[in-house]
Amino acid sequence: MTTPAEATEAAHHAGHHGYISDKDRYLARLRRIEGQARGIHRMVEEEKYCIDILTQVSALTSALRGVALGLLDDHMKHCVVDAAQLGGDEAEAKMKEASDAIARLVRS
C-alpha cells in the first residue's frame, strides 16, 4: 500500500505539478495574454496614442501577475506542502524555491 507522501513523491517525479488540475484554465488565460501582446504590437505599428498603449501594457502586466500568483499559490498548496510532509532536504529546498519566487515577483 502506498502512503499519501509516497504517492505525492511519485507524482512529482512523473512530472505532475500543482497547477495540473487548472492547466486548461492557465492555457486559456495565456492565450488571452498572447492576444493582448499582439494587440499592443499592432497599436505601436499603427502609431496609436501612447497613453492608450500604456493602458494596454498595464492590463497585460496585471494579467501576467495574475497567472504568476495563481501558479505560486498552486505551488505552495501542492509542491511545498507535499515536500514539507516528506521533510528533510527536499522540504528546505522547496521552501527556498518558493521564497526566491516570491522575491522575484515582488521585484517585478
Protein backbone atom coordinates (compact mmCIF):
# COMPACT_ATOMS: atom_id res chain seq x y z
CA MET A 1 0.00 0.00 0.00
CA THR A 2 1.31 3.47 -0.94
CA THR A 3 1.24 6.27 1.60
CA PRO A 4 -0.03 9.72 0.52
CA ALA A 5 3.53 11.07 0.75
CA GLU A 6 4.82 8.30 -1.50
CA ALA A 7 2.05 8.95 -3.99
CA THR A 8 2.87 12.65 -3.98
CA GLU A 9 6.56 11.95 -4.50
CA ALA A 10 5.75 9.59 -7.36
CA ALA A 11 3.51 12.22 -8.98
CA HIS A 12 6.25 14.82 -8.60
CA HIS A 13 8.77 12.58 -10.33
CA ALA A 14 6.21 11.75 -13.02
CA GLY A 15 6.08 15.46 -13.88
CA HIS A 16 2.75 16.37 -12.28
CA HIS A 17 2.66 19.81 -10.74
CA GLY A 18 0.21 21.61 -8.51
CA TYR A 19 -1.35 23.54 -11.38
CA ILE A 20 -2.20 20.42 -13.40
CA SER A 21 -5.87 20.46 -12.35
CA ASP A 22 -6.13 24.05 -13.66
CA LYS A 23 -3.93 23.54 -16.72
CA ASP A 24 -6.71 24.30 -19.23
CA ARG A 25 -7.63 27.48 -17.36
CA TYR A 26 -3.99 28.62 -17.33
CA LEU A 27 -3.62 27.87 -21.03
CA ALA A 28 -6.77 29.86 -21.84
CA ARG A 29 -5.50 32.81 -19.79
CA LEU A 30 -2.12 32.63 -21.52
CA ARG A 31 -3.79 32.60 -24.96
CA ARG A 32 -5.67 35.78 -23.98
CA ILE A 33 -2.39 37.31 -22.81
CA GLU A 34 -0.77 36.41 -26.14
CA GLY A 35 -3.64 38.19 -27.88
CA GLN A 36 -3.14 41.24 -25.68
CA ALA A 37 0.58 41.32 -26.53
CA ARG A 38 -0.20 41.09 -30.26
CA GLY A 39 -2.72 43.90 -29.81
CA ILE A 40 -0.08 46.12 -28.21
CA HIS A 41 2.31 45.32 -31.06
CA ARG A 42 -0.37 46.31 -33.54
CA MET A 43 -1.08 49.54 -31.64
CA VAL A 44 2.58 50.55 -31.88
CA GLU A 45 2.68 49.65 -35.58
CA GLU A 46 -0.40 51.81 -36.13
CA GLU A 47 1.10 54.62 -34.04
CA LYS A 48 -1.79 54.76 -31.59
CA TYR A 49 -1.82 57.28 -28.76
CA CYS A 50 0.90 56.47 -26.20
CA ILE A 51 -1.44 56.61 -23.19
CA ASP A 52 -3.75 54.06 -24.83
CA ILE A 53 -0.76 51.76 -25.37
CA LEU A 54 0.37 52.23 -21.78
CA THR A 55 -3.13 51.33 -20.60
CA GLN A 56 -2.93 48.07 -22.52
CA VAL A 57 0.59 47.37 -21.20
CA SER A 58 -0.78 47.83 -17.68
CA ALA A 59 -3.61 45.39 -18.39
CA LEU A 60 -1.14 42.85 -19.81
CA THR A 61 1.15 43.24 -16.80
CA SER A 62 -1.80 42.69 -14.47
CA ALA A 63 -2.87 39.57 -16.40
CA LEU A 64 0.64 38.12 -16.21
CA ARG A 65 0.82 38.90 -12.49
CA GLY A 66 -2.47 37.05 -12.02
CA VAL A 67 -1.06 33.96 -13.73
CA ALA A 68 2.13 34.19 -11.67
CA LEU A 69 0.22 34.50 -8.39
CA GLY A 70 -2.02 31.59 -9.30
CA LEU A 71 0.98 29.39 -10.13
CA LEU A 72 2.68 30.44 -6.91
CA ASP A 73 -0.46 29.63 -4.91
CA ASP A 74 -0.72 26.20 -6.56
CA HIS A 75 2.98 25.60 -5.93
CA MET A 76 2.61 26.45 -2.24
CA LYS A 77 -0.54 24.33 -1.81
CA HIS A 78 0.86 21.29 -3.56
CA CYS A 79 4.61 21.11 -4.12
CA VAL A 80 5.69 22.91 -0.95
CA VAL A 81 3.12 21.25 1.32
CA ASP A 82 3.96 17.82 -0.11
CA ALA A 83 7.69 18.40 0.36
CA ALA A 84 7.10 19.68 3.92
CA GLN A 85 5.26 16.47 4.73
CA LEU A 86 8.22 14.46 3.45
CA GLY A 87 10.65 16.64 5.41
CA GLY A 88 14.40 16.71 5.04
CA ASP A 89 16.42 18.43 2.35
CA GLU A 90 13.55 18.37 -0.15
CA ALA A 91 11.35 20.42 2.20
CA GLU A 92 14.06 23.02 2.74
CA ALA A 93 14.77 23.18 -1.00
CA LYS A 94 11.08 23.73 -1.85
CA MET A 95 10.74 26.44 0.80
CA LYS A 96 13.80 28.26 -0.56
CA GLU A 97 12.50 27.85 -4.10
CA ALA A 98 9.15 29.38 -3.11
CA SER A 99 10.82 32.19 -1.18
CA ASP A 100 13.03 33.01 -4.18
CA ALA A 101 9.99 33.01 -6.48
CA ILE A 102 8.15 35.41 -4.16
CA ALA A 103 11.20 37.70 -4.09
CA ARG A 104 11.28 37.74 -7.91
CA LEU A 105 7.57 38.59 -8.07
CA VAL A 106 7.96 41.38 -5.53
CA ARG A 107 10.83 42.90 -7.51
CA SER A 108 8.87 42.86 -10.77
